[in-house]
Amino acid sequence: MAPPKYCQLSGQVFVVNVPTQANYRVAKVDMDAPSDFKVIEERQLGFEKEAGHWFFTKSRAAADFTIYWEDEVGCGY
């Protein structure tokens, strides 16, 4: 089975406050918890080119995609 498309996500990310405005809804979990996808937050622009490497931007126009932080894992739409 092919991995879900979100497993290939990389680039600049903008966080939105409204779930319907997000390309993806994301929940943070403890490092020891099982997960489908792990993200490395890059501190410097230019290092976010590999899958799972994200650079959080304050410019929505510069973002490759948007996310909304979920309070719980598995909330769904």
PDB file of N, CA and C in Angstrom:
ATOM      1  N   MET A   1       0.847  -1.185   0.000  1.00  0.00           N
ATOM      2  CA  MET A   1       0.000   0.000   0.000  1.00  0.00           C
ATOM      3  C   MET A   1       0.891   1.246   0.000  1.00  0.00           C
ATOM      4  N   ALA A   2       0.567   2.208  -0.836  1.00  0.00           N
ATOM      5  CA  ALA A   2       1.336   3.454  -0.916  1.00  0.00           C
ATOM      6  C   ALA A   2       1.071   4.322   0.310  1.00  0.00           C
ATOM      7  N   PRO A   3       2.099   5.016   0.803  1.00  0.00           N
ATOM      8  CA  PRO A   3       1.886   5.897   1.957  1.00  0.00           C
ATOM      9  C   PRO A   3       0.961   7.055   1.571  1.00  0.00           C
ATOM     10  N   PRO A   4       0.200   7.577   2.559  1.00  0.00           N
ATOM     11  CA  PRO A   4      -0.677   8.715   2.268  1.00  0.00           C
ATOM     12  C   PRO A   4       0.125   9.913   1.758  1.00  0.00           C
ATOM     13  N   LYS A   5      -0.525  10.764   1.001  1.00  0.00           N
ATOM     14  CA  LYS A   5       0.130  11.926   0.403  1.00  0.00           C
ATOM     15  C   LYS A   5       0.799  12.814   1.456  1.00  0.00           C
ATOM     16  N   TYR A   6       0.207  12.915   2.646  1.00  0.00           N
ATOM     17  CA  TYR A   6       0.787  13.793   3.659  1.00  0.00           C
ATOM     18  C   TYR A   6       2.175  13.342   4.097  1.00  0.00           C
ATOM     19  N   CYS A   7       2.512  12.096   3.869  1.00  0.00           N
ATOM     20  CA  CYS A   7       3.853  11.613   4.234  1.00  0.00           C
ATOM     21  C   CYS A   7       4.942  12.249   3.383  1.00  0.00           C
ATOM     22  N   GLN A   8       4.571  12.857   2.278  1.00  0.00           N
ATOM     23  CA  GLN A   8       5.545  13.508   1.406  1.00  0.00           C
ATOM     24  C   GLN A   8       5.645  15.010   1.651  1.00  0.00           C
ATOM     25  N   LEU A   9       4.851  15.548   2.573  1.00  0.00           N
ATOM     26  CA  LEU A   9       4.813  16.992   2.803  1.00  0.00           C
ATOM     27  C   LEU A   9       6.157  17.533   3.272  1.00  0.00           C
ATOM     28  N   SER A  10       6.548  18.615   2.643  1.00  0.00           N
ATOM     29  CA  SER A  10       7.729  19.360   3.068  1.00  0.00           C
ATOM     30  C   SER A  10       7.522  20.796   2.625  1.00  0.00           C
ATOM     31  N   GLY A  11       8.299  21.698   3.177  1.00  0.00           N
ATOM     32  CA  GLY A  11       8.236  23.084   2.741  1.00  0.00           C
ATOM     33  C   GLY A  11       7.836  24.048   3.824  1.00  0.00           C
ATOM     34  N   GLN A  12       7.355  25.213   3.368  1.00  0.00           N
ATOM     35  CA  GLN A  12       6.957  26.265   4.295  1.00  0.00           C
ATOM     36  C   GLN A  12       5.496  26.057   4.704  1.00  0.00           C
ATOM     37  N   VAL A  13       5.247  26.185   5.993  1.00  0.00           N
ATOM     38  CA  VAL A  13       3.935  25.908   6.564  1.00  0.00           C
ATOM     39  C   VAL A  13       3.398  27.142   7.265  1.00  0.00           C
ATOM     40  N   PHE A  14       2.120  27.428   7.048  1.00  0.00           N
ATOM     41  CA  PHE A  14       1.440  28.522   7.732  1.00  0.00           C
ATOM     42  C   PHE A  14       0.338  27.907   8.587  1.00  0.00           C
ATOM     43  N   VAL A  15       0.244  28.318   9.849  1.00  0.00           N
ATOM     44  CA  VAL A  15      -0.755  27.802  10.771  1.00  0.00           C
ATOM     45  C   VAL A  15      -1.977  28.715  10.751  1.00  0.00           C
ATOM     46  N   VAL A  16      -3.153  28.116  10.516  1.00  0.00           N
ATOM     47  CA  VAL A  16      -4.410  28.869  10.519  1.00  0.00           C
ATOM     48  C   VAL A  16      -5.180  28.571  11.801  1.00  0.00           C
ATOM     49  N   ASN A  17      -6.106  29.459  12.155  1.00  0.00           N
ATOM     50  CA  ASN A  17      -6.893  29.306  13.379  1.00  0.00           C
ATOM     51  C   ASN A  17      -8.275  28.721  13.138  1.00  0.00           C
ATOM     52  N   VAL A  18      -8.632  28.506  11.880  1.00  0.00           N
ATOM     53  CA  VAL A  18      -9.948  27.968  11.521  1.00  0.00           C
ATOM     54  C   VAL A  18      -9.731  26.658  10.765  1.00  0.00           C
ATOM     55  N   PRO A  19     -10.266  25.543  11.265  1.00  0.00           N
ATOM     56  CA  PRO A  19      -9.990  24.243  10.648  1.00  0.00           C
ATOM     57  C   PRO A  19     -10.379  24.148   9.175  1.00  0.00           C
ATOM     58  N   THR A  20     -11.451  24.803   8.784  1.00  0.00           N
ATOM     59  CA  THR A  20     -11.897  24.715   7.392  1.00  0.00           C
ATOM     60  C   THR A  20     -10.985  25.473   6.426  1.00  0.00           C
ATOM     61  N   GLN A  21     -10.088  26.290   6.949  1.00  0.00           N
ATOM     62  CA  GLN A  21      -9.145  27.025   6.107  1.00  0.00           C
ATOM     63  C   GLN A  21      -7.827  26.282   5.923  1.00  0.00           C
ATOM     64  N   ALA A  22      -7.682  25.140   6.575  1.00  0.00           N
ATOM     65  CA  ALA A  22      -6.420  24.391   6.540  1.00  0.00           C
ATOM     66  C   ALA A  22      -6.420  23.339   5.445  1.00  0.00           C
ATOM     67  N   ASN A  23      -5.248  23.139   4.861  1.00  0.00           N
ATOM     68  CA  ASN A  23      -5.071  22.019   3.940  1.00  0.00           C
ATOM     69  C   ASN A  23      -5.021  20.701   4.704  1.00  0.00           C
ATOM     70  N   TYR A  24      -4.443  20.761   5.921  1.00  0.00           N
ATOM     71  CA  TYR A  24      -4.295  19.570   6.757  1.00  0.00           C
ATOM     72  C   TYR A  24      -4.572  19.932   8.209  1.00  0.00           C
ATOM     73  N   ARG A  25      -5.173  18.974   8.928  1.00  0.00           N
ATOM     74  CA  ARG A  25      -5.383  19.134  10.375  1.00  0.00           C
ATOM     75  C   ARG A  25      -4.373  18.224  11.067  1.00  0.00           C
ATOM     76  N   VAL A  26      -3.639  18.794  12.034  1.00  0.00           N
ATOM     77  CA  VAL A  26      -2.504  18.112  12.638  1.00  0.00           C
ATOM     78  C   VAL A  26      -2.658  18.092  14.155  1.00  0.00           C
ATOM     79  N   ALA A  27      -2.298  16.967  14.770  1.00  0.00           N
ATOM     80  CA  ALA A  27      -2.303  16.854  16.228  1.00  0.00           C
ATOM     81  C   ALA A  27      -0.890  16.548  16.700  1.00  0.00           C
ATOM     82  N   LYS A  28      -0.484  17.188  17.761  1.00  0.00           N
ATOM     83  CA  LYS A  28       0.821  16.902  18.362  1.00  0.00           C
ATOM     84  C   LYS A  28       0.654  15.752  19.347  1.00  0.00           C
ATOM     85  N   VAL A  29       1.630  14.856  19.368  1.00  0.00           N
ATOM     86  CA  VAL A  29       1.636  13.744  20.316  1.00  0.00           C
ATOM     87  C   VAL A  29       3.005  13.654  20.964  1.00  0.00           C
ATOM     88  N   ASP A  30       3.078  12.918  22.089  1.00  0.00           N
ATOM     89  CA  ASP A  30       4.357  12.693  22.752  1.00  0.00           C
ATOM     90  C   ASP A  30       5.293  11.927  21.820  1.00  0.00           C
ATOM     91  N   MET A  31       6.576  12.130  22.001  1.00  0.00           N
ATOM     92  CA  MET A  31       7.572  11.469  21.159  1.00  0.00           C
ATOM     93  C   MET A  31       7.476   9.941  21.230  1.00  0.00           C
ATOM     94  N   ASP A  32       7.055   9.385  22.367  1.00  0.00           N
ATOM     95  CA  ASP A  32       6.987   7.940  22.518  1.00  0.00           C
ATOM     96  C   ASP A  32       5.713   7.348  21.939  1.00  0.00           C
ATOM     97  N   ALA A  33       4.741   8.182  21.604  1.00  0.00           N
ATOM     98  CA  ALA A  33       3.470   7.691  21.082  1.00  0.00           C
ATOM     99  C   ALA A  33       3.634   7.258  19.627  1.00  0.00           C
ATOM    100  N   PRO A  34       2.899   6.217  19.218  1.00  0.00           N
ATOM    101  CA  PRO A  34       2.965   5.825  17.809  1.00  0.00           C
ATOM    102  C   PRO A  34       2.329   6.902  16.937  1.00  0.00           C
ATOM    103  N   SER A  35       2.831   7.048  15.725  1.00  0.00           N
ATOM    104  CA  SER A  35       2.266   8.054  14.828  1.00  0.00           C
ATOM    105  C   SER A  35       2.404   7.585  13.388  1.00  0.00           C
ATOM    106  N   ASP A  36       1.633   8.212  12.501  1.00  0.00           N
ATOM    107  CA  ASP A  36       1.711   7.903  11.080  1.00  0.00           C
ATOM    108  C   ASP A  36       2.776   8.722  10.384  1.00  0.00           C
ATOM    109  N   PHE A  37       3.156   9.850  10.989  1.00  0.00           N
ATOM    110  CA  PHE A  37       4.049  10.786  10.324  1.00  0.00           C
ATOM    111  C   PHE A  37       4.757  11.612  11.369  1.00  0.00           C
ATOM    112  N   LYS A  38       6.055  11.790  11.231  1.00  0.00           N
ATOM    113  CA  LYS A  38       6.822  12.626  12.151  1.00  0.00           C
ATOM    114  C   LYS A  38       7.383  13.822  11.396  1.00  0.00           C
ATOM    115  N   VAL A  39       7.395  14.967  12.070  1.00  0.00           N
ATOM    116  CA  VAL A  39       7.831  16.216  11.450  1.00  0.00           C
ATOM    117  C   VAL A  39       9.059  16.753  12.162  1.00  0.00           C
ATOM    118  N   ILE A  40       9.985  17.254  11.388  1.00  0.00           N
ATOM    119  CA  ILE A  40      11.157  17.946  11.926  1.00  0.00           C
ATOM    120  C   ILE A  40      10.965  19.424  11.617  1.00  0.00           C
ATOM    121  N   GLU A  41      10.926  20.246  12.656  1.00  0.00           N
ATOM    122  CA  GLU A  41      10.772  21.686  12.460  1.00  0.00           C
ATOM    123  C   GLU A  41      12.139  22.283  12.155  1.00  0.00           C
ATOM    124  N   GLU A  42      12.265  22.800  10.946  1.00  0.00           N
ATOM    125  CA  GLU A  42      13.514  23.434  10.539  1.00  0.00           C
ATOM    126  C   GLU A  42      13.534  24.868  11.053  1.00  0.00           C
ATOM    127  N   ARG A  43      14.655  25.298  11.568  1.00  0.00           N
ATOM    128  CA  ARG A  43      14.801  26.643  12.126  1.00  0.00           C
ATOM    129  C   ARG A  43      15.304  27.643  11.085  1.00  0.00           C
ATOM    130  N   GLN A  44      15.789  27.124   9.961  1.00  0.00           N
ATOM    131  CA  GLN A  44      16.352  27.995   8.939  1.00  0.00           C
ATOM    132  C   GLN A  44      15.736  27.644   7.585  1.00  0.00           C
ATOM    133  N   LEU A  45      15.260  28.645   6.888  1.00  0.00           N
ATOM    134  CA  LEU A  45      14.683  28.464   5.563  1.00  0.00           C
ATOM    135  C   LEU A  45      15.729  27.896   4.622  1.00  0.00           C
ATOM    136  N   GLY A  46      15.326  26.929   3.833  1.00  0.00           N
ATOM    137  CA  GLY A  46      16.241  26.297   2.892  1.00  0.00           C
ATOM    138  C   GLY A  46      16.525  24.844   3.239  1.00  0.00           C
ATOM    139  N   PHE A  47      16.213  24.439   4.470  1.00  0.00           N
ATOM    140  CA  PHE A  47      16.455  23.068   4.904  1.00  0.00           C
ATOM    141  C   PHE A  47      15.171  22.248   4.933  1.00  0.00           C
ATOM    142  N   GLU A  48      14.071  22.796   4.389  1.00  0.00           N
ATOM    143  CA  GLU A  48      12.767  22.146   4.478  1.00  0.00           C
ATOM    144  C   GLU A  48      12.409  21.381   3.204  1.00  0.00           C
ATOM    145  N   LYS A  49      13.377  20.922   2.480  1.00  0.00           N
ATOM    146  CA  LYS A  49      13.137  20.304   1.168  1.00  0.00           C
ATOM    147  C   LYS A  49      12.807  18.811   1.229  1.00  0.00           C
ATOM    148  N   GLU A  50      13.152  18.124   2.296  1.00  0.00           N
ATOM    149  CA  GLU A  50      12.894  16.684   2.403  1.00  0.00           C
ATOM    150  C   GLU A  50      11.545  16.429   3.061  1.00  0.00           C
ATOM    151  N   ALA A  51      10.930  15.297   2.730  1.00  0.00           N
ATOM    152  CA  ALA A  51       9.648  14.922   3.329  1.00  0.00           C
ATOM    153  C   ALA A  51       9.748  14.942   4.852  1.00  0.00           C
ATOM    154  N   GLY A  52       8.769  15.573   5.485  1.00  0.00           N
ATOM    155  CA  GLY A  52       8.739  15.640   6.943  1.00  0.00           C
ATOM    156  C   GLY A  52       9.506  16.802   7.535  1.00  0.00           C
ATOM    157  N   HIS A  53      10.153  17.596   6.719  1.00  0.00           N
ATOM    158  CA  HIS A  53      10.888  18.763   7.188  1.00  0.00           C
ATOM    159  C   HIS A  53      10.056  20.003   6.874  1.00  0.00           C
ATOM    160  N   TRP A  54       9.655  20.714   7.909  1.00  0.00           N
ATOM    161  CA  TRP A  54       8.781  21.882   7.767  1.00  0.00           C
ATOM    162  C   TRP A  54       9.456  23.123   8.309  1.00  0.00           C
ATOM    163  N   PHE A  55       9.251  24.238   7.630  1.00  0.00           N
ATOM    164  CA  PHE A  55       9.665  25.550   8.117  1.00  0.00           C
ATOM    165  C   PHE A  55       8.394  26.356   8.310  1.00  0.00           C
ATOM    166  N   PHE A  56       8.124  26.766   9.551  1.00  0.00           N
ATOM    167  CA  PHE A  56       6.909  27.520   9.853  1.00  0.00           C
ATOM    168  C   PHE A  56       7.125  28.985   9.502  1.00  0.00           C
ATOM    169  N   THR A  57       6.272  29.501   8.624  1.00  0.00           N
ATOM    170  CA  THR A  57       6.378  30.874   8.156  1.00  0.00           C
ATOM    171  C   THR A  57       5.234  31.718   8.712  1.00  0.00           C
ATOM    172  N   LYS A  58       5.459  32.993   8.833  1.00  0.00           N
ATOM    173  CA  LYS A  58       4.418  33.919   9.277  1.00  0.00           C
ATOM    174  C   LYS A  58       3.703  34.551   8.082  1.00  0.00           C
ATOM    175  N   SER A  59       4.094  34.155   6.888  1.00  0.00           N
ATOM    176  CA  SER A  59       3.505  34.683   5.660  1.00  0.00           C
ATOM    177  C   SER A  59       2.686  33.598   4.961  1.00  0.00           C
ATOM    178  N   ARG A  60       1.371  33.769   4.950  1.00  0.00           N
ATOM    179  CA  ARG A  60       0.521  32.789   4.274  1.00  0.00           C
ATOM    180  C   ARG A  60       0.861  32.705   2.788  1.00  0.00           C
ATOM    181  N   ALA A  61       1.207  33.834   2.183  1.00  0.00           N
ATOM    182  CA  ALA A  61       1.531  33.860   0.754  1.00  0.00           C
ATOM    183  C   ALA A  61       2.782  33.039   0.436  1.00  0.00           C
ATOM    184  N   ALA A  62       3.695  32.927   1.378  1.00  0.00           N
ATOM    185  CA  ALA A  62       4.931  32.177   1.155  1.00  0.00           C
ATOM    186  C   ALA A  62       4.766  30.682   1.427  1.00  0.00           C
ATOM    187  N   ALA A  63       3.662  30.293   2.062  1.00  0.00           N
ATOM    188  CA  ALA A  63       3.466  28.909   2.496  1.00  0.00           C
ATOM    189  C   ALA A  63       3.184  27.967   1.336  1.00  0.00           C
ATOM    190  N   ASP A  64       3.708  26.758   1.447  1.00  0.00           N
ATOM    191  CA  ASP A  64       3.398  25.692   0.495  1.00  0.00           C
ATOM    192  C   ASP A  64       2.072  25.032   0.841  1.00  0.00           C
ATOM    193  N   PHE A  65       1.721  25.037   2.131  1.00  0.00           N
ATOM    194  CA  PHE A  65       0.440  24.505   2.593  1.00  0.00           C
ATOM    195  C   PHE A  65       0.130  25.067   3.971  1.00  0.00           C
ATOM    196  N   THR A  66      -1.135  24.885   4.391  1.00  0.00           N
ATOM    197  CA  THR A  66      -1.567  25.387   5.698  1.00  0.00           C
ATOM    198  C   THR A  66      -1.993  24.223   6.580  1.00  0.00           C
ATOM    199  N   ILE A  67      -1.829  24.422   7.897  1.00  0.00           N
ATOM    200  CA  ILE A  67      -2.279  23.409   8.855  1.00  0.00           C
ATOM    201  C   ILE A  67      -3.099  24.072   9.956  1.00  0.00           C
ATOM    202  N   TYR A  68      -3.888  23.250  10.617  1.00  0.00           N
ATOM    203  CA  TYR A  68      -4.629  23.652  11.811  1.00  0.00           C
ATOM    204  C   TYR A  68      -4.233  22.671  12.901  1.00  0.00           C
ATOM    205  N   TRP A  69      -3.849  23.189  14.071  1.00  0.00           N
ATOM    206  CA  TRP A  69      -3.468  22.320  15.191  1.00  0.00           C
ATOM    207  C   TRP A  69      -4.723  21.791  15.873  1.00  0.00           C
ATOM    208  N   GLU A  70      -4.897  20.498  15.884  1.00  0.00           N
ATOM    209  CA  GLU A  70      -5.997  19.823  16.584  1.00  0.00           C
ATOM    210  C   GLU A  70      -5.649  19.674  18.056  1.00  0.00           C
ATOM    211  N   ASP A  71      -6.675  19.691  18.892  1.00  0.00           N
ATOM    212  CA  ASP A  71      -6.461  19.461  20.324  1.00  0.00           C
ATOM    213  C   ASP A  71      -6.318  17.972  20.643  1.00  0.00           C
ATOM    214  N   GLU A  72      -6.943  17.117  19.841  1.00  0.00           N
ATOM    215  CA  GLU A  72      -6.918  15.688  20.097  1.00  0.00           C
ATOM    216  C   GLU A  72      -6.576  14.918  18.835  1.00  0.00           C
ATOM    217  N   VAL A  73      -5.972  13.762  19.013  1.00  0.00           N
ATOM    218  CA  VAL A  73      -5.657  12.890  17.883  1.00  0.00           C
ATOM    219  C   VAL A  73      -6.951  12.228  17.420  1.00  0.00           C
ATOM    220  N   GLY A  74      -7.128  12.151  16.111  1.00  0.00           N
ATOM    221  CA  GLY A  74      -8.278  11.427  15.559  1.00  0.00           C
ATOM    222  C   GLY A  74      -9.585  12.178  15.592  1.00  0.00           C
ATOM    223  N   CYS A  75      -9.548  13.509  15.622  1.00  0.00           N
ATOM    224  CA  CYS A  75     -10.787  14.282  15.655  1.00  0.00           C
ATOM    225  C   CYS A  75     -11.560  14.161  14.353  1.00  0.00           C
ATOM    226  N   GLY A  76     -10.869  14.108  13.239  1.00  0.00           N
ATOM    227  CA  GLY A  76     -11.537  14.039  11.942  1.00  0.00           C
ATOM    228  C   GLY A  76     -12.232  15.329  11.592  1.00  0.00           C
ATOM    229  N   TYR A  77     -12.878  15.349  10.448  1.00  0.00           N
ATOM    230  CA  TYR A  77     -13.602  16.535   9.998  1.00  0.00           C
ATOM    231  C   TYR A  77     -15.028  16.468  10.433  1.00  0.00           C
TER     232      TYR A  77
END
